[in-house]
């Protein structure tokens, strides 16, 4: 048997494979826009919402670990914990 190889598409020779935090933010934005436009059917909402919430949770974890410093889209299921008030000077 011979092995078949395919040539990389133009411009993809040196592209790194993986996801960035911005890719995840973009996916959340795509989910939000498509749901607002009615592109997601009712029976699909649970699955799509679950994936969106997992993305948000991933970004929150990355932010807590100091790996991500961008904005995190809001979430209705797991709102971010409120920051503790700064201690007042005595």
PDB file of N, CA and C in Angstrom:
ATOM      1  N   UNK A   1       0.828  -1.188   0.000  1.00  0.00           N
ATOM      2  CA  UNK A   1       0.000   0.000   0.000  1.00  0.00           C
ATOM      3  C   UNK A   1       0.867   1.243   0.000  1.00  0.00           C
ATOM      4  N   UNK A   2       0.357   2.271  -0.589  1.00  0.00           N
ATOM      5  CA  UNK A   2       1.100   3.520  -0.588  1.00  0.00           C
ATOM      6  C   UNK A   2       0.366   4.537   0.274  1.00  0.00           C
ATOM      7  N   UNK A   3       1.134   5.381   0.897  1.00  0.00           N
ATOM      8  CA  UNK A   3       0.545   6.426   1.728  1.00  0.00           C
ATOM      9  C   UNK A   3       0.209   7.618   0.856  1.00  0.00           C
ATOM     10  N   UNK A   4      -0.953   8.173   1.104  1.00  0.00           N
ATOM     11  CA  UNK A   4      -1.341   9.371   0.381  1.00  0.00           C
ATOM     12  C   UNK A   4      -1.114  10.573   1.277  1.00  0.00           C
ATOM     13  N   UNK A   5      -0.518  11.580   0.727  1.00  0.00           N
ATOM     14  CA  UNK A   5      -0.352  12.823   1.471  1.00  0.00           C
ATOM     15  C   UNK A   5      -0.982  13.934   0.668  1.00  0.00           C
ATOM     16  N   UNK A   6      -1.487  14.892   1.365  1.00  0.00           N
ATOM     17  CA  UNK A   6      -2.068  16.032   0.683  1.00  0.00           C
ATOM     18  C   UNK A   6      -1.223  17.255   0.974  1.00  0.00           C
ATOM     19  N   UNK A   7      -1.087  18.068  -0.009  1.00  0.00           N
ATOM     20  CA  UNK A   7      -0.313  19.298   0.151  1.00  0.00           C
ATOM     21  C   UNK A   7      -1.139  20.283   0.976  1.00  0.00           C
ATOM     22  N   UNK A   8      -0.494  21.049   1.849  1.00  0.00           N
ATOM     23  CA  UNK A   8      -1.239  22.052   2.607  1.00  0.00           C
ATOM     24  C   UNK A   8      -1.795  23.104   1.660  1.00  0.00           C
ATOM     25  N   UNK A   9      -2.928  23.649   2.036  1.00  0.00           N
ATOM     26  CA  UNK A   9      -3.528  24.703   1.224  1.00  0.00           C
ATOM     27  C   UNK A   9      -2.636  25.940   1.263  1.00  0.00           C
ATOM     28  N   UNK A  10      -2.773  26.766   0.255  1.00  0.00           N
ATOM     29  CA  UNK A  10      -1.949  27.973   0.157  1.00  0.00           C
ATOM     30  C   UNK A  10      -2.083  28.816   1.412  1.00  0.00           C
ATOM     31  N   UNK A  11      -0.974  29.225   1.987  1.00  0.00           N
ATOM     32  CA  UNK A  11      -0.958  30.089   3.154  1.00  0.00           C
ATOM     33  C   UNK A  11      -1.055  29.350   4.476  1.00  0.00           C
ATOM     34  N   UNK A  12      -1.146  28.021   4.455  1.00  0.00           N
ATOM     35  CA  UNK A  12      -1.297  27.274   5.698  1.00  0.00           C
ATOM     36  C   UNK A  12      -0.056  26.467   6.064  1.00  0.00           C
ATOM     37  N   UNK A  13       1.017  26.645   5.365  1.00  0.00           N
ATOM     38  CA  UNK A  13       2.201  25.836   5.614  1.00  0.00           C
ATOM     39  C   UNK A  13       2.748  26.008   7.025  1.00  0.00           C
ATOM     40  N   UNK A  14       2.786  27.224   7.525  1.00  0.00           N
ATOM     41  CA  UNK A  14       3.430  27.489   8.813  1.00  0.00           C
ATOM     42  C   UNK A  14       2.445  27.912   9.900  1.00  0.00           C
ATOM     43  N   UNK A  15       1.161  27.678   9.681  1.00  0.00           N
ATOM     44  CA  UNK A  15       0.190  28.076  10.689  1.00  0.00           C
ATOM     45  C   UNK A  15       0.184  27.079  11.833  1.00  0.00           C
ATOM     46  N   UNK A  16       0.166  27.617  13.038  1.00  0.00           N
ATOM     47  CA  UNK A  16       0.127  26.787  14.229  1.00  0.00           C
ATOM     48  C   UNK A  16      -1.293  26.269  14.442  1.00  0.00           C
ATOM     49  N   UNK A  17      -1.400  25.026  14.855  1.00  0.00           N
ATOM     50  CA  UNK A  17      -2.700  24.433  15.120  1.00  0.00           C
ATOM     51  C   UNK A  17      -3.055  24.669  16.576  1.00  0.00           C
ATOM     52  N   UNK A  18      -4.256  25.117  16.823  1.00  0.00           N
ATOM     53  CA  UNK A  18      -4.693  25.341  18.193  1.00  0.00           C
ATOM     54  C   UNK A  18      -5.717  26.449  18.262  1.00  0.00           C
ATOM     55  N   UNK A  19      -6.168  26.725  19.462  1.00  0.00           N
ATOM     56  CA  UNK A  19      -7.144  27.777  19.701  1.00  0.00           C
ATOM     57  C   UNK A  19      -6.542  28.844  20.592  1.00  0.00           C
ATOM     58  N   UNK A  20      -6.940  30.058  20.352  1.00  0.00           N
ATOM     59  CA  UNK A  20      -6.534  31.147  21.234  1.00  0.00           C
ATOM     60  C   UNK A  20      -7.746  31.537  22.077  1.00  0.00           C
ATOM     61  N   UNK A  21      -7.506  32.326  23.096  1.00  0.00           N
ATOM     62  CA  UNK A  21      -8.615  32.816  23.904  1.00  0.00           C
ATOM     63  C   UNK A  21      -9.547  33.662  23.046  1.00  0.00           C
ATOM     64  N   UNK A  22      -8.997  34.395  22.098  1.00  0.00           N
ATOM     65  CA  UNK A  22      -9.831  35.213  21.210  1.00  0.00           C
ATOM     66  C   UNK A  22     -10.709  34.342  20.320  1.00  0.00           C
ATOM     67  N   UNK A  23     -10.236  33.152  19.940  1.00  0.00           N
ATOM     68  CA  UNK A  23     -11.070  32.224  19.175  1.00  0.00           C
ATOM     69  C   UNK A  23     -12.288  31.812  19.996  1.00  0.00           C
ATOM     70  N   UNK A  24     -12.075  31.576  21.287  1.00  0.00           N
ATOM     71  CA  UNK A  24     -13.172  31.172  22.169  1.00  0.00           C
ATOM     72  C   UNK A  24     -14.152  32.323  22.358  1.00  0.00           C
ATOM     73  N   UNK A  25     -13.643  33.534  22.550  1.00  0.00           N
ATOM     74  CA  UNK A  25     -14.509  34.713  22.656  1.00  0.00           C
ATOM     75  C   UNK A  25     -15.312  34.878  21.369  1.00  0.00           C
ATOM     76  N   UNK A  26     -14.680  34.685  20.223  1.00  0.00           N
ATOM     77  CA  UNK A  26     -15.376  34.805  18.940  1.00  0.00           C
ATOM     78  C   UNK A  26     -16.479  33.755  18.823  1.00  0.00           C
ATOM     79  N   UNK A  27     -16.226  32.534  19.282  1.00  0.00           N
ATOM     80  CA  UNK A  27     -17.238  31.484  19.233  1.00  0.00           C
ATOM     81  C   UNK A  27     -18.439  31.855  20.106  1.00  0.00           C
ATOM     82  N   UNK A  28     -18.175  32.437  21.273  1.00  0.00           N
ATOM     83  CA  UNK A  28     -19.271  32.876  22.153  1.00  0.00           C
ATOM     84  C   UNK A  28     -20.080  33.966  21.454  1.00  0.00           C
ATOM     85  N   UNK A  29     -19.390  34.898  20.813  1.00  0.00           N
ATOM     86  CA  UNK A  29     -20.088  35.978  20.095  1.00  0.00           C
ATOM     87  C   UNK A  29     -20.917  35.427  18.939  1.00  0.00           C
ATOM     88  N   UNK A  30     -20.404  34.423  18.247  1.00  0.00           N
ATOM     89  CA  UNK A  30     -21.153  33.801  17.150  1.00  0.00           C
ATOM     90  C   UNK A  30     -22.414  33.141  17.694  1.00  0.00           C
ATOM     91  N   UNK A  31     -22.295  32.438  18.807  1.00  0.00           N
ATOM     92  CA  UNK A  31     -23.459  31.807  19.429  1.00  0.00           C
ATOM     93  C   UNK A  31     -24.489  32.869  19.803  1.00  0.00           C
ATOM     94  N   UNK A  32     -24.039  33.964  20.404  1.00  0.00           N
ATOM     95  CA  UNK A  32     -24.955  35.034  20.815  1.00  0.00           C
ATOM     96  C   UNK A  32     -25.678  35.644  19.610  1.00  0.00           C
ATOM     97  N   UNK A  33     -24.946  35.942  18.557  1.00  0.00           N
ATOM     98  CA  UNK A  33     -25.543  36.575  17.378  1.00  0.00           C
ATOM     99  C   UNK A  33     -26.529  35.627  16.691  1.00  0.00           C
ATOM    100  N   UNK A  34     -26.135  34.374  16.532  1.00  0.00           N
ATOM    101  CA  UNK A  34     -27.040  33.439  15.852  1.00  0.00           C
ATOM    102  C   UNK A  34     -28.300  33.172  16.671  1.00  0.00           C
ATOM    103  N   UNK A  35     -28.180  33.136  17.988  1.00  0.00           N
ATOM    104  CA  UNK A  35     -29.377  32.915  18.801  1.00  0.00           C
ATOM    105  C   UNK A  35     -30.283  34.149  18.775  1.00  0.00           C
ATOM    106  N   UNK A  36     -29.689  35.347  18.761  1.00  0.00           N
ATOM    107  CA  UNK A  36     -30.487  36.572  18.684  1.00  0.00           C
ATOM    108  C   UNK A  36     -31.231  36.669  17.359  1.00  0.00           C
ATOM    109  N   UNK A  37     -30.635  36.138  16.308  1.00  0.00           N
ATOM    110  CA  UNK A  37     -31.259  36.181  14.986  1.00  0.00           C
ATOM    111  C   UNK A  37     -32.214  35.020  14.742  1.00  0.00           C
ATOM    112  N   UNK A  38     -32.334  34.132  15.710  1.00  0.00           N
ATOM    113  CA  UNK A  38     -33.259  33.023  15.575  1.00  0.00           C
ATOM    114  C   UNK A  38     -32.742  31.872  14.726  1.00  0.00           C
ATOM    115  N   UNK A  39     -31.441  31.783  14.557  1.00  0.00           N
ATOM    116  CA  UNK A  39     -30.862  30.741  13.713  1.00  0.00           C
ATOM    117  C   UNK A  39     -30.737  29.399  14.431  1.00  0.00           C
ATOM    118  N   UNK A  40     -30.959  29.390  15.736  1.00  0.00           N
ATOM    119  CA  UNK A  40     -30.863  28.164  16.515  1.00  0.00           C
ATOM    120  C   UNK A  40     -32.272  27.744  16.892  1.00  0.00           C
ATOM    121  N   UNK A  41     -32.613  26.508  16.566  1.00  0.00           N
ATOM    122  CA  UNK A  41     -33.956  26.007  16.854  1.00  0.00           C
ATOM    123  C   UNK A  41     -34.094  25.694  18.340  1.00  0.00           C
ATOM    124  N   UNK A  42     -35.318  25.711  18.814  1.00  0.00           N
ATOM    125  CA  UNK A  42     -35.593  25.506  20.220  1.00  0.00           C
ATOM    126  C   UNK A  42     -34.978  24.245  20.792  1.00  0.00           C
ATOM    127  N   UNK A  43     -35.081  23.139  20.071  1.00  0.00           N
ATOM    128  CA  UNK A  43     -34.547  21.882  20.587  1.00  0.00           C
ATOM    129  C   UNK A  43     -33.021  21.854  20.613  1.00  0.00           C
ATOM    130  N   UNK A  44     -32.381  22.820  19.980  1.00  0.00           N
ATOM    131  CA  UNK A  44     -30.919  22.899  19.972  1.00  0.00           C
ATOM    132  C   UNK A  44     -30.378  23.831  21.055  1.00  0.00           C
ATOM    133  N   UNK A  45     -31.249  24.578  21.687  1.00  0.00           N
ATOM    134  CA  UNK A  45     -30.807  25.610  22.615  1.00  0.00           C
ATOM    135  C   UNK A  45     -30.044  25.066  23.817  1.00  0.00           C
ATOM    136  N   UNK A  46     -30.453  23.940  24.343  1.00  0.00           N
ATOM    137  CA  UNK A  46     -29.755  23.391  25.512  1.00  0.00           C
ATOM    138  C   UNK A  46     -28.321  23.030  25.156  1.00  0.00           C
ATOM    139  N   UNK A  47     -28.138  22.337  24.038  1.00  0.00           N
ATOM    140  CA  UNK A  47     -26.784  21.932  23.654  1.00  0.00           C
ATOM    141  C   UNK A  47     -25.913  23.141  23.348  1.00  0.00           C
ATOM    142  N   UNK A  48     -26.455  24.089  22.615  1.00  0.00           N
ATOM    143  CA  UNK A  48     -25.686  25.284  22.258  1.00  0.00           C
ATOM    144  C   UNK A  48     -25.381  26.105  23.502  1.00  0.00           C
ATOM    145  N   UNK A  49     -26.367  26.264  24.373  1.00  0.00           N
ATOM    146  CA  UNK A  49     -26.162  27.007  25.613  1.00  0.00           C
ATOM    147  C   UNK A  49     -25.135  26.347  26.521  1.00  0.00           C
ATOM    148  N   UNK A  50     -25.145  25.024  26.551  1.00  0.00           N
ATOM    149  CA  UNK A  50     -24.178  24.295  27.375  1.00  0.00           C
ATOM    150  C   UNK A  50     -22.759  24.525  26.875  1.00  0.00           C
ATOM    151  N   UNK A  51     -22.572  24.472  25.571  1.00  0.00           N
ATOM    152  CA  UNK A  51     -21.240  24.728  25.001  1.00  0.00           C
ATOM    153  C   UNK A  51     -20.813  26.160  25.303  1.00  0.00           C
ATOM    154  N   UNK A  52     -21.740  27.118  25.151  1.00  0.00           N
ATOM    155  CA  UNK A  52     -21.416  28.521  25.426  1.00  0.00           C
ATOM    156  C   UNK A  52     -20.989  28.688  26.881  1.00  0.00           C
ATOM    157  N   UNK A  53     -21.723  28.074  27.805  1.00  0.00           N
ATOM    158  CA  UNK A  53     -21.382  28.201  29.218  1.00  0.00           C
ATOM    159  C   UNK A  53     -20.038  27.552  29.532  1.00  0.00           C
ATOM    160  N   UNK A  54     -19.697  26.470  28.840  1.00  0.00           N
ATOM    161  CA  UNK A  54     -18.389  25.835  29.049  1.00  0.00           C
ATOM    162  C   UNK A  54     -17.270  26.753  28.567  1.00  0.00           C
ATOM    163  N   UNK A  55     -17.502  27.435  27.443  1.00  0.00           N
ATOM    164  CA  UNK A  55     -16.517  28.407  26.957  1.00  0.00           C
ATOM    165  C   UNK A  55     -16.318  29.525  27.974  1.00  0.00           C
ATOM    166  N   UNK A  56     -17.421  30.053  28.506  1.00  0.00           N
ATOM    167  CA  UNK A  56     -17.340  31.138  29.486  1.00  0.00           C
ATOM    168  C   UNK A  56     -16.602  30.662  30.736  1.00  0.00           C
ATOM    169  N   UNK A  57     -16.927  29.460  31.204  1.00  0.00           N
ATOM    170  CA  UNK A  57     -16.261  28.910  32.389  1.00  0.00           C
ATOM    171  C   UNK A  57     -14.765  28.734  32.139  1.00  0.00           C
ATOM    172  N   UNK A  58     -14.406  28.312  30.933  1.00  0.00           N
ATOM    173  CA  UNK A  58     -12.993  28.149  30.583  1.00  0.00           C
ATOM    174  C   UNK A  58     -12.267  29.485  30.645  1.00  0.00           C
ATOM    175  N   UNK A  59     -12.893  30.536  30.108  1.00  0.00           N
ATOM    176  CA  UNK A  59     -12.276  31.865  30.145  1.00  0.00           C
ATOM    177  C   UNK A  59     -12.157  32.373  31.578  1.00  0.00           C
ATOM    178  N   UNK A  60     -13.174  32.125  32.408  1.00  0.00           N
ATOM    179  CA  UNK A  60     -13.104  32.541  33.818  1.00  0.00           C
ATOM    180  C   UNK A  60     -11.949  31.849  34.531  1.00  0.00           C
ATOM    181  N   UNK A  61     -11.795  30.559  34.280  1.00  0.00           N
ATOM    182  CA  UNK A  61     -10.710  29.810  34.903  1.00  0.00           C
ATOM    183  C   UNK A  61      -9.354  30.353  34.448  1.00  0.00           C
ATOM    184  N   UNK A  62      -9.236  30.611  33.144  1.00  0.00           N
ATOM    185  CA  UNK A  62      -7.976  31.141  32.615  1.00  0.00           C
ATOM    186  C   UNK A  62      -7.673  32.506  33.223  1.00  0.00           C
ATOM    187  N   UNK A  63      -8.713  33.319  33.411  1.00  0.00           N
ATOM    188  CA  UNK A  63      -8.510  34.636  34.010  1.00  0.00           C
ATOM    189  C   UNK A  63      -8.083  34.495  35.464  1.00  0.00           C
ATOM    190  N   UNK A  64      -8.704  33.578  36.195  1.00  0.00           N
ATOM    191  CA  UNK A  64      -8.347  33.352  37.596  1.00  0.00           C
ATOM    192  C   UNK A  64      -6.910  32.861  37.737  1.00  0.00           C
ATOM    193  N   UNK A  65      -6.445  32.119  36.748  1.00  0.00           N
ATOM    194  CA  UNK A  65      -5.080  31.600  36.762  1.00  0.00           C
ATOM    195  C   UNK A  65      -4.072  32.615  36.209  1.00  0.00           C
ATOM    196  N   UNK A  66      -4.556  33.773  35.750  1.00  0.00           N
ATOM    197  CA  UNK A  66      -3.679  34.804  35.217  1.00  0.00           C
ATOM    198  C   UNK A  66      -3.215  34.548  33.795  1.00  0.00           C
ATOM    199  N   UNK A  67      -3.906  33.649  33.089  1.00  0.00           N
ATOM    200  CA  UNK A  67      -3.512  33.304  31.720  1.00  0.00           C
ATOM    201  C   UNK A  67      -4.250  34.128  30.677  1.00  0.00           C
ATOM    202  N   UNK A  68      -5.343  34.775  31.073  1.00  0.00           N
ATOM    203  CA  UNK A  68      -6.169  35.557  30.148  1.00  0.00           C
ATOM    204  C   UNK A  68      -6.536  36.851  30.832  1.00  0.00           C
ATOM    205  N   UNK A  69      -6.367  37.964  30.120  1.00  0.00           N
ATOM    206  CA  UNK A  69      -6.667  39.242  30.751  1.00  0.00           C
ATOM    207  C   UNK A  69      -7.722  40.044  30.000  1.00  0.00           C
ATOM    208  N   UNK A  70      -8.424  39.404  29.088  1.00  0.00           N
ATOM    209  CA  UNK A  70      -9.459  40.091  28.313  1.00  0.00           C
ATOM    210  C   UNK A  70     -10.804  40.070  29.009  1.00  0.00           C
ATOM    211  N   UNK A  71     -11.789  40.623  28.320  1.00  0.00           N
ATOM    212  CA  UNK A  71     -13.146  40.638  28.842  1.00  0.00           C
ATOM    213  C   UNK A  71     -13.783  39.263  28.682  1.00  0.00           C
ATOM    214  N   UNK A  72     -14.676  38.945  29.592  1.00  0.00           N
ATOM    215  CA  UNK A  72     -15.409  37.684  29.538  1.00  0.00           C
ATOM    216  C   UNK A  72     -16.873  38.024  29.283  1.00  0.00           C
ATOM    217  N   UNK A  73     -17.465  37.433  28.245  1.00  0.00           N
ATOM    218  CA  UNK A  73     -18.882  37.694  27.987  1.00  0.00           C
ATOM    219  C   UNK A  73     -19.734  37.300  29.194  1.00  0.00           C
ATOM    220  N   UNK A  74     -20.850  37.973  29.363  1.00  0.00           N
ATOM    221  CA  UNK A  74     -21.709  37.690  30.502  1.00  0.00           C
ATOM    222  C   UNK A  74     -22.343  36.314  30.375  1.00  0.00           C
ATOM    223  N   UNK A  75     -22.759  35.792  31.505  1.00  0.00           N
ATOM    224  CA  UNK A  75     -23.370  34.483  31.554  1.00  0.00           C
ATOM    225  C   UNK A  75     -24.565  34.548  32.482  1.00  0.00           C
ATOM    226  N   UNK A  76     -25.674  33.993  32.044  1.00  0.00           N
ATOM    227  CA  UNK A  76     -26.865  34.014  32.897  1.00  0.00           C
ATOM    228  C   UNK A  76     -26.879  32.859  33.882  1.00  0.00           C
ATOM    229  N   UNK A  77     -26.161  31.788  33.577  1.00  0.00           N
ATOM    230  CA  UNK A  77     -26.203  30.616  34.444  1.00  0.00           C
ATOM    231  C   UNK A  77     -25.240  30.726  35.617  1.00  0.00           C
ATOM    232  N   UNK A  78     -24.056  31.215  35.378  1.00  0.00           N
ATOM    233  CA  UNK A  78     -23.043  31.308  36.426  1.00  0.00           C
ATOM    234  C   UNK A  78     -22.461  32.717  36.447  1.00  0.00           C
ATOM    235  N   UNK A  79     -23.208  33.687  36.989  1.00  0.00           N
ATOM    236  CA  UNK A  79     -22.678  35.056  36.992  1.00  0.00           C
ATOM    237  C   UNK A  79     -21.388  35.120  37.789  1.00  0.00           C
ATOM    238  N   UNK A  80     -20.474  36.005  37.390  1.00  0.00           N
ATOM    239  CA  UNK A  80     -19.207  36.118  38.111  1.00  0.00           C
ATOM    240  C   UNK A  80     -19.441  36.559  39.546  1.00  0.00           C
ATOM    241  N   UNK A  81     -18.619  36.055  40.411  1.00  0.00           N
ATOM    242  CA  UNK A  81     -18.712  36.469  41.818  1.00  0.00           C
ATOM    243  C   UNK A  81     -18.342  37.936  41.917  1.00  0.00           C
ATOM    244  N   UNK A  82     -19.068  38.639  42.762  1.00  0.00           N
ATOM    245  CA  UNK A  82     -18.779  40.062  42.926  1.00  0.00           C
ATOM    246  C   UNK A  82     -17.455  40.193  43.659  1.00  0.00           C
ATOM    247  N   UNK A  83     -16.713  41.199  43.266  1.00  0.00           N
ATOM    248  CA  UNK A  83     -15.436  41.442  43.913  1.00  0.00           C
ATOM    249  C   UNK A  83     -15.673  41.901  45.341  1.00  0.00           C
ATOM    250  N   UNK A  84     -14.823  41.459  46.232  1.00  0.00           N
ATOM    251  CA  UNK A  84     -14.933  41.884  47.619  1.00  0.00           C
ATOM    252  C   UNK A  84     -14.622  43.378  47.709  1.00  0.00           C
ATOM    253  N   UNK A  85     -15.371  44.104  48.520  1.00  0.00           N
ATOM    254  CA  UNK A  85     -15.091  45.538  48.643  1.00  0.00           C
ATOM    255  C   UNK A  85     -13.715  45.764  49.233  1.00  0.00           C
ATOM    256  N   UNK A  86     -13.099  46.826  48.773  1.00  0.00           N
ATOM    257  CA  UNK A  86     -11.768  47.159  49.294  1.00  0.00           C
ATOM    258  C   UNK A  86     -11.898  47.550  50.751  1.00  0.00           C
ATOM    259  N   UNK A  87     -10.909  47.128  51.535  1.00  0.00           N
ATOM    260  CA  UNK A  87     -10.950  47.474  52.946  1.00  0.00           C
ATOM    261  C   UNK A  87     -10.695  48.969  53.119  1.00  0.00           C
ATOM    262  N   UNK A  88     -11.474  49.543  54.001  1.00  0.00           N
ATOM    263  CA  UNK A  88     -11.328  50.969  54.234  1.00  0.00           C
ATOM    264  C   UNK A  88     -10.147  51.225  55.156  1.00  0.00           C
ATOM    265  N   UNK A  89      -9.473  52.344  54.913  1.00  0.00           N
ATOM    266  CA  UNK A  89      -8.354  52.726  55.779  1.00  0.00           C
ATOM    267  C   UNK A  89      -8.909  53.163  57.117  1.00  0.00           C
ATOM    268  N   UNK A  90      -8.276  52.725  58.181  1.00  0.00           N
ATOM    269  CA  UNK A  90      -8.774  53.092  59.521  1.00  0.00           C
ATOM    270  C   UNK A  90      -8.106  54.328  60.031  1.00  0.00           C
TER     271      UNK A  90
END
